[in-house]
Amino acid sequence: MTTFQIVALYIALNIILAVFFTYRVISVRIGNRVSMGDNGDTSLLARIRTHGNFTENAPLALLGLLGLAMLNAPVILLHIFGSMFIFGRVLHAFGMAGKHALGKTRPIGMMMTLIVHLGQAIALLYLVFTFNVI
């Protein structure tokens, strides 16, 4: 796989995750006949925020992967950041759901996401300032 194919793989996986999170919101909206807001439904609010938190963080992670690919970062680094972001988002979502809402998976998932963001920023800066330009 080329670096751009790896980025495309993680973009595709994130799109699937986004569609899944959207479906989870829509299913409760239809079931509870809520078209706007959360109508005081904490389950719906948790699903809305799971989706919202994902959409707030996914663009940064995917742009980071794209930037790393453009700078010829090692393939293993792309897989580490891509898989860690996906896994972190799944843990976060699981931690926001039902009886697991007070568990440890939510903060672990968020920490994984922040580690990906920071790690990508550091790797990008390193590659920018050490990249051989002729």
N, C-alpha and C. Protein backbone atom coordinates (compact mmCIF):
# COMPACT_ATOMS: atom_id res chain seq x y z
N MET A 1 0.84 -1.19 0.00
CA MET A 1 0.00 0.00 0.00
C MET A 1 0.87 1.25 0.00
N THR A 2 0.49 2.21 -0.81
CA THR A 2 1.18 3.49 -0.78
C THR A 2 0.68 4.30 0.41
N THR A 3 1.38 5.37 0.73
CA THR A 3 0.95 6.21 1.85
C THR A 3 -0.43 6.81 1.58
N PHE A 4 -0.72 7.15 0.33
CA PHE A 4 -2.03 7.74 0.02
C PHE A 4 -3.14 6.69 0.07
N GLN A 5 -2.82 5.45 -0.26
CA GLN A 5 -3.81 4.38 -0.10
C GLN A 5 -4.12 4.14 1.37
N ILE A 6 -3.11 4.26 2.20
CA ILE A 6 -3.31 4.10 3.65
C ILE A 6 -4.22 5.22 4.17
N VAL A 7 -3.96 6.44 3.74
CA VAL A 7 -4.82 7.57 4.13
C VAL A 7 -6.24 7.32 3.66
N ALA A 8 -6.40 6.87 2.41
CA ALA A 8 -7.74 6.58 1.87
C ALA A 8 -8.44 5.50 2.69
N LEU A 9 -7.69 4.50 3.14
CA LEU A 9 -8.26 3.45 3.98
C LEU A 9 -8.85 4.04 5.25
N TYR A 10 -8.09 4.90 5.93
CA TYR A 10 -8.57 5.47 7.18
C TYR A 10 -9.68 6.51 6.95
N ILE A 11 -9.66 7.18 5.83
CA ILE A 11 -10.78 8.06 5.48
C ILE A 11 -12.05 7.22 5.33
N ALA A 12 -11.95 6.11 4.61
CA ALA A 12 -13.11 5.24 4.41
C ALA A 12 -13.64 4.71 5.74
N LEU A 13 -12.75 4.26 6.61
CA LEU A 13 -13.17 3.74 7.92
C LEU A 13 -13.84 4.83 8.75
N ASN A 14 -13.33 6.05 8.67
CA ASN A 14 -13.94 7.16 9.41
C ASN A 14 -15.29 7.54 8.83
N ILE A 15 -15.45 7.44 7.52
CA ILE A 15 -16.75 7.70 6.91
C ILE A 15 -17.77 6.68 7.41
N ILE A 16 -17.38 5.42 7.44
CA ILE A 16 -18.28 4.37 7.94
C ILE A 16 -18.66 4.65 9.39
N LEU A 17 -17.70 5.04 10.21
CA LEU A 17 -17.97 5.37 11.61
C LEU A 17 -18.91 6.57 11.72
N ALA A 18 -18.71 7.58 10.89
CA ALA A 18 -19.58 8.76 10.90
C ALA A 18 -21.01 8.39 10.52
N VAL A 19 -21.17 7.54 9.52
CA VAL A 19 -22.51 7.09 9.12
C VAL A 19 -23.17 6.31 10.25
N PHE A 20 -22.40 5.46 10.92
CA PHE A 20 -22.93 4.70 12.05
C PHE A 20 -23.39 5.62 13.17
N PHE A 21 -22.57 6.61 13.53
CA PHE A 21 -22.96 7.55 14.58
C PHE A 21 -24.19 8.36 14.17
N THR A 22 -24.28 8.73 12.91
CA THR A 22 -25.45 9.46 12.40
C THR A 22 -26.69 8.59 12.51
N TYR A 23 -26.57 7.33 12.12
CA TYR A 23 -27.69 6.39 12.21
C TYR A 23 -28.19 6.28 13.65
N ARG A 24 -27.26 6.21 14.60
CA ARG A 24 -27.65 6.09 16.01
C ARG A 24 -28.47 7.29 16.48
N VAL A 25 -28.14 8.48 16.00
CA VAL A 25 -28.90 9.68 16.35
C VAL A 25 -30.28 9.63 15.68
N ILE A 26 -30.29 9.35 14.39
CA ILE A 26 -31.54 9.34 13.63
C ILE A 26 -32.52 8.31 14.18
N SER A 27 -32.03 7.14 14.54
CA SER A 27 -32.93 6.09 15.03
C SER A 27 -33.67 6.51 16.30
N VAL A 28 -32.98 7.21 17.20
CA VAL A 28 -33.65 7.68 18.42
C VAL A 28 -34.57 8.86 18.10
N ARG A 29 -34.15 9.74 17.21
CA ARG A 29 -35.01 10.87 16.82
C ARG A 29 -36.34 10.36 16.26
N ILE A 30 -36.26 9.38 15.37
CA ILE A 30 -37.49 8.84 14.76
C ILE A 30 -38.32 8.13 15.82
N GLY A 31 -37.68 7.30 16.62
CA GLY A 31 -38.40 6.55 17.65
C GLY A 31 -39.08 7.43 18.68
N ASN A 32 -38.47 8.55 19.01
CA ASN A 32 -39.02 9.45 20.03
C ASN A 32 -39.68 10.69 19.44
N ARG A 33 -39.74 10.75 18.12
CA ARG A 33 -40.37 11.87 17.40
C ARG A 33 -39.78 13.22 17.82
N VAL A 34 -38.46 13.29 17.77
CA VAL A 34 -37.74 14.52 18.11
C VAL A 34 -37.02 14.99 16.85
N SER A 35 -37.45 16.16 16.33
CA SER A 35 -36.82 16.62 15.09
C SER A 35 -35.65 17.57 15.35
N MET A 36 -35.71 18.33 16.43
CA MET A 36 -34.64 19.29 16.76
C MET A 36 -34.26 19.14 18.23
N GLY A 37 -33.00 19.37 18.51
CA GLY A 37 -32.54 19.30 19.89
C GLY A 37 -32.59 17.89 20.43
N ASP A 38 -32.67 17.77 21.77
CA ASP A 38 -32.72 16.44 22.38
C ASP A 38 -33.99 16.20 23.18
N ASN A 39 -34.83 17.23 23.32
CA ASN A 39 -36.12 17.12 24.02
C ASN A 39 -35.96 16.55 25.43
N GLY A 40 -34.81 16.82 26.06
CA GLY A 40 -34.58 16.33 27.41
C GLY A 40 -34.23 14.86 27.51
N ASP A 41 -34.06 14.21 26.39
CA ASP A 41 -33.72 12.78 26.35
C ASP A 41 -32.20 12.63 26.47
N THR A 42 -31.74 12.14 27.62
CA THR A 42 -30.30 12.03 27.85
C THR A 42 -29.63 11.01 26.92
N SER A 43 -30.36 9.98 26.55
CA SER A 43 -29.81 8.99 25.60
C SER A 43 -29.57 9.64 24.24
N LEU A 44 -30.52 10.45 23.80
CA LEU A 44 -30.37 11.15 22.52
C LEU A 44 -29.24 12.17 22.62
N LEU A 45 -29.18 12.89 23.73
CA LEU A 45 -28.11 13.87 23.92
C LEU A 45 -26.73 13.20 23.85
N ALA A 46 -26.59 12.05 24.48
CA ALA A 46 -25.31 11.33 24.44
C ALA A 46 -24.96 10.93 23.02
N ARG A 47 -25.94 10.49 22.25
CA ARG A 47 -25.69 10.11 20.85
C ARG A 47 -25.33 11.33 20.01
N ILE A 48 -26.02 12.43 20.26
CA ILE A 48 -25.71 13.67 19.53
C ILE A 48 -24.28 14.11 19.82
N ARG A 49 -23.89 14.07 21.09
CA ARG A 49 -22.54 14.49 21.45
C ARG A 49 -21.47 13.50 20.98
N THR A 50 -21.80 12.22 20.95
CA THR A 50 -20.85 11.24 20.40
C THR A 50 -20.58 11.56 18.94
N HIS A 51 -21.65 11.82 18.19
CA HIS A 51 -21.52 12.18 16.78
C HIS A 51 -20.79 13.52 16.64
N GLY A 52 -21.18 14.49 17.45
CA GLY A 52 -20.57 15.82 17.38
C GLY A 52 -19.09 15.79 17.73
N ASN A 53 -18.75 15.06 18.77
CA ASN A 53 -17.35 14.97 19.17
C ASN A 53 -16.52 14.30 18.08
N PHE A 54 -17.10 13.30 17.44
CA PHE A 54 -16.40 12.65 16.33
C PHE A 54 -16.17 13.64 15.19
N THR A 55 -17.22 14.38 14.82
CA THR A 55 -17.08 15.31 13.69
C THR A 55 -16.17 16.49 14.02
N GLU A 56 -15.98 16.78 15.29
CA GLU A 56 -15.05 17.83 15.68
C GLU A 56 -13.59 17.36 15.60
N ASN A 57 -13.37 16.08 15.80
CA ASN A 57 -12.00 15.56 15.87
C ASN A 57 -11.52 14.85 14.61
N ALA A 58 -12.41 14.24 13.86
CA ALA A 58 -12.01 13.48 12.67
C ALA A 58 -11.27 14.32 11.63
N PRO A 59 -11.74 15.54 11.33
CA PRO A 59 -11.01 16.31 10.30
C PRO A 59 -9.54 16.55 10.66
N LEU A 60 -9.26 16.84 11.92
CA LEU A 60 -7.86 17.06 12.33
C LEU A 60 -7.03 15.80 12.14
N ALA A 61 -7.58 14.67 12.57
CA ALA A 61 -6.84 13.41 12.45
C ALA A 61 -6.59 13.05 10.99
N LEU A 62 -7.60 13.24 10.15
CA LEU A 62 -7.45 12.88 8.74
C LEU A 62 -6.54 13.85 8.00
N LEU A 63 -6.62 15.13 8.33
CA LEU A 63 -5.68 16.09 7.73
C LEU A 63 -4.25 15.79 8.18
N GLY A 64 -4.11 15.39 9.43
CA GLY A 64 -2.79 15.01 9.93
C GLY A 64 -2.23 13.83 9.16
N LEU A 65 -3.07 12.82 8.91
CA LEU A 65 -2.63 11.66 8.12
C LEU A 65 -2.24 12.08 6.71
N LEU A 66 -3.04 12.93 6.11
CA LEU A 66 -2.74 13.39 4.75
C LEU A 66 -1.42 14.15 4.71
N GLY A 67 -1.22 15.04 5.67
CA GLY A 67 0.03 15.79 5.73
C GLY A 67 1.23 14.88 5.91
N LEU A 68 1.09 13.89 6.77
CA LEU A 68 2.18 12.94 6.98
C LEU A 68 2.48 12.14 5.71
N ALA A 69 1.43 11.75 5.00
CA ALA A 69 1.63 11.02 3.74
C ALA A 69 2.34 11.90 2.71
N MET A 70 1.96 13.16 2.66
CA MET A 70 2.59 14.09 1.71
C MET A 70 4.07 14.29 2.01
N LEU A 71 4.44 14.15 3.27
CA LEU A 71 5.84 14.32 3.67
C LEU A 71 6.58 12.99 3.76
N ASN A 72 5.98 11.95 3.19
CA ASN A 72 6.59 10.61 3.15
C ASN A 72 6.93 10.05 4.53
N ALA A 73 6.01 10.20 5.45
CA ALA A 73 6.18 9.62 6.79
C ALA A 73 6.23 8.10 6.67
N PRO A 74 6.87 7.43 7.61
CA PRO A 74 6.89 5.97 7.59
C PRO A 74 5.46 5.39 7.61
N VAL A 75 5.27 4.35 6.84
CA VAL A 75 3.96 3.71 6.73
C VAL A 75 3.43 3.28 8.09
N ILE A 76 4.29 2.75 8.93
CA ILE A 76 3.88 2.29 10.25
C ILE A 76 3.31 3.44 11.08
N LEU A 77 3.86 4.63 10.91
CA LEU A 77 3.36 5.80 11.64
C LEU A 77 1.93 6.13 11.21
N LEU A 78 1.66 6.04 9.92
CA LEU A 78 0.30 6.29 9.42
C LEU A 78 -0.68 5.28 10.00
N HIS A 79 -0.27 4.01 10.04
CA HIS A 79 -1.15 2.98 10.60
C HIS A 79 -1.35 3.16 12.10
N ILE A 80 -0.31 3.55 12.81
CA ILE A 80 -0.44 3.77 14.25
C ILE A 80 -1.44 4.89 14.52
N PHE A 81 -1.25 6.03 13.86
CA PHE A 81 -2.15 7.16 14.09
C PHE A 81 -3.57 6.86 13.60
N GLY A 82 -3.69 6.25 12.44
CA GLY A 82 -5.02 5.95 11.89
C GLY A 82 -5.80 4.97 12.73
N SER A 83 -5.16 3.88 13.13
CA SER A 83 -5.87 2.86 13.92
C SER A 83 -6.12 3.35 15.34
N MET A 84 -5.19 4.10 15.90
CA MET A 84 -5.36 4.62 17.25
C MET A 84 -6.53 5.60 17.31
N PHE A 85 -6.68 6.42 16.27
CA PHE A 85 -7.80 7.36 16.24
C PHE A 85 -9.13 6.60 16.17
N ILE A 86 -9.22 5.63 15.27
CA ILE A 86 -10.46 4.85 15.14
C ILE A 86 -10.79 4.15 16.46
N PHE A 87 -9.80 3.48 17.04
CA PHE A 87 -10.02 2.76 18.29
C PHE A 87 -10.42 3.73 19.40
N GLY A 88 -9.79 4.89 19.46
CA GLY A 88 -10.13 5.89 20.47
C GLY A 88 -11.55 6.40 20.32
N ARG A 89 -11.99 6.61 19.10
CA ARG A 89 -13.35 7.08 18.86
C ARG A 89 -14.38 6.02 19.22
N VAL A 90 -14.06 4.76 18.95
CA VAL A 90 -14.98 3.67 19.32
C VAL A 90 -15.06 3.56 20.84
N LEU A 91 -13.93 3.64 21.52
CA LEU A 91 -13.94 3.60 22.99
C LEU A 91 -14.73 4.77 23.56
N HIS A 92 -14.53 5.95 23.00
CA HIS A 92 -15.26 7.14 23.46
C HIS A 92 -16.75 6.93 23.28
N ALA A 93 -17.17 6.44 22.13
CA ALA A 93 -18.59 6.21 21.86
C ALA A 93 -19.17 5.18 22.82
N PHE A 94 -18.43 4.11 23.06
CA PHE A 94 -18.88 3.08 23.99
C PHE A 94 -19.03 3.67 25.39
N GLY A 95 -18.11 4.54 25.76
CA GLY A 95 -18.16 5.18 27.07
C GLY A 95 -19.29 6.17 27.23
N MET A 96 -19.83 6.65 26.12
CA MET A 96 -20.96 7.59 26.16
C MET A 96 -22.30 6.86 26.18
N ALA A 97 -22.30 5.56 25.93
CA ALA A 97 -23.54 4.81 25.74
C ALA A 97 -24.05 4.20 27.04
N GLY A 98 -25.32 4.40 27.32
CA GLY A 98 -26.07 3.73 28.37
C GLY A 98 -25.36 3.55 29.69
N LYS A 99 -25.35 2.31 30.16
CA LYS A 99 -24.80 2.01 31.48
C LYS A 99 -23.29 2.19 31.56
N HIS A 100 -22.64 2.32 30.40
CA HIS A 100 -21.19 2.50 30.37
C HIS A 100 -20.78 3.97 30.46
N ALA A 101 -21.75 4.87 30.55
CA ALA A 101 -21.48 6.31 30.48
C ALA A 101 -20.50 6.79 31.56
N LEU A 102 -20.47 6.14 32.68
CA LEU A 102 -19.56 6.56 33.75
C LEU A 102 -18.30 5.71 33.80
N GLY A 103 -18.11 4.86 32.81
CA GLY A 103 -16.94 3.98 32.80
C GLY A 103 -15.68 4.69 32.36
N LYS A 104 -14.63 3.90 32.20
CA LYS A 104 -13.32 4.44 31.86
C LYS A 104 -13.08 4.55 30.37
N THR A 105 -13.94 3.95 29.55
CA THR A 105 -13.65 3.94 28.12
C THR A 105 -13.76 5.33 27.49
N ARG A 106 -14.65 6.15 28.01
CA ARG A 106 -14.80 7.50 27.44
C ARG A 106 -13.52 8.33 27.61
N PRO A 107 -12.99 8.49 28.83
CA PRO A 107 -11.76 9.27 28.96
C PRO A 107 -10.56 8.62 28.28
N ILE A 108 -10.51 7.28 28.26
CA ILE A 108 -9.41 6.62 27.55
C ILE A 108 -9.50 6.92 26.06
N GLY A 109 -10.71 6.85 25.51
CA GLY A 109 -10.90 7.17 24.10
C GLY A 109 -10.53 8.60 23.77
N MET A 110 -10.89 9.52 24.66
CA MET A 110 -10.55 10.93 24.42
C MET A 110 -9.05 11.15 24.53
N MET A 111 -8.41 10.50 25.49
CA MET A 111 -6.95 10.62 25.62
C MET A 111 -6.24 10.07 24.38
N MET A 112 -6.74 8.96 23.86
CA MET A 112 -6.15 8.40 22.64
C MET A 112 -6.27 9.39 21.49
N THR A 113 -7.42 10.04 21.40
CA THR A 113 -7.64 11.04 20.35
C THR A 113 -6.66 12.20 20.49
N LEU A 114 -6.50 12.69 21.71
CA LEU A 114 -5.59 13.81 21.93
C LEU A 114 -4.13 13.41 21.69
N ILE A 115 -3.79 12.18 22.04
CA ILE A 115 -2.43 11.69 21.76
C ILE A 115 -2.18 11.64 20.26
N VAL A 116 -3.19 11.20 19.50
CA VAL A 116 -3.06 11.18 18.03
C VAL A 116 -2.84 12.60 17.51
N HIS A 117 -3.67 13.54 17.96
CA HIS A 117 -3.53 14.93 17.49
C HIS A 117 -2.14 15.48 17.80
N LEU A 118 -1.72 15.33 19.04
CA LEU A 118 -0.40 15.84 19.44
C LEU A 118 0.73 15.12 18.73
N GLY A 119 0.62 13.81 18.64
CA GLY A 119 1.64 13.01 17.95
C GLY A 119 1.77 13.40 16.49
N GLN A 120 0.64 13.60 15.85
CA GLN A 120 0.67 14.03 14.45
C GLN A 120 1.31 15.40 14.31
N ALA A 121 0.96 16.31 15.20
CA ALA A 121 1.53 17.66 15.13
C ALA A 121 3.05 17.61 15.29
N ILE A 122 3.52 16.83 16.25
CA ILE A 122 4.97 16.70 16.47
C ILE A 122 5.64 16.06 15.26
N ALA A 123 5.05 14.99 14.75
CA ALA A 123 5.62 14.31 13.58
C ALA A 123 5.64 15.22 12.36
N LEU A 124 4.57 15.98 12.16
CA LEU A 124 4.52 16.91 11.03
C LEU A 124 5.60 17.98 11.15
N LEU A 125 5.73 18.56 12.33
CA LEU A 125 6.76 19.59 12.53
C LEU A 125 8.15 19.01 12.32
N TYR A 126 8.37 17.82 12.84
CA TYR A 126 9.67 17.17 12.65
C TYR A 126 9.96 16.98 11.16
N LEU A 127 9.00 16.43 10.43
CA LEU A 127 9.20 16.18 9.00
C LEU A 127 9.35 17.47 8.20
N VAL A 128 8.62 18.49 8.58
CA VAL A 128 8.72 19.78 7.88
C VAL A 128 10.13 20.35 8.01
N PHE A 129 10.69 20.27 9.22
CA PHE A 129 11.99 20.90 9.44
C PHE A 129 13.19 19.99 9.16
N THR A 130 12.94 18.72 8.87
CA THR A 130 14.05 17.83 8.53
C THR A 130 13.94 17.29 7.11
N PHE A 131 12.89 17.67 6.41
CA PHE A 131 12.66 17.19 5.04
C PHE A 131 13.72 17.80 4.12
N ASN A 132 14.41 16.96 3.36
CA ASN A 132 15.46 17.44 2.45
C ASN A 132 14.85 18.10 1.21
N VAL A 133 15.09 19.36 1.08
CA VAL A 133 14.61 20.11 -0.08
C VAL A 133 15.80 20.46 -0.96
N ILE A 134 15.70 20.14 -2.24
CA ILE A 134 16.81 20.41 -3.16
C ILE A 134 16.54 21.69 -3.93
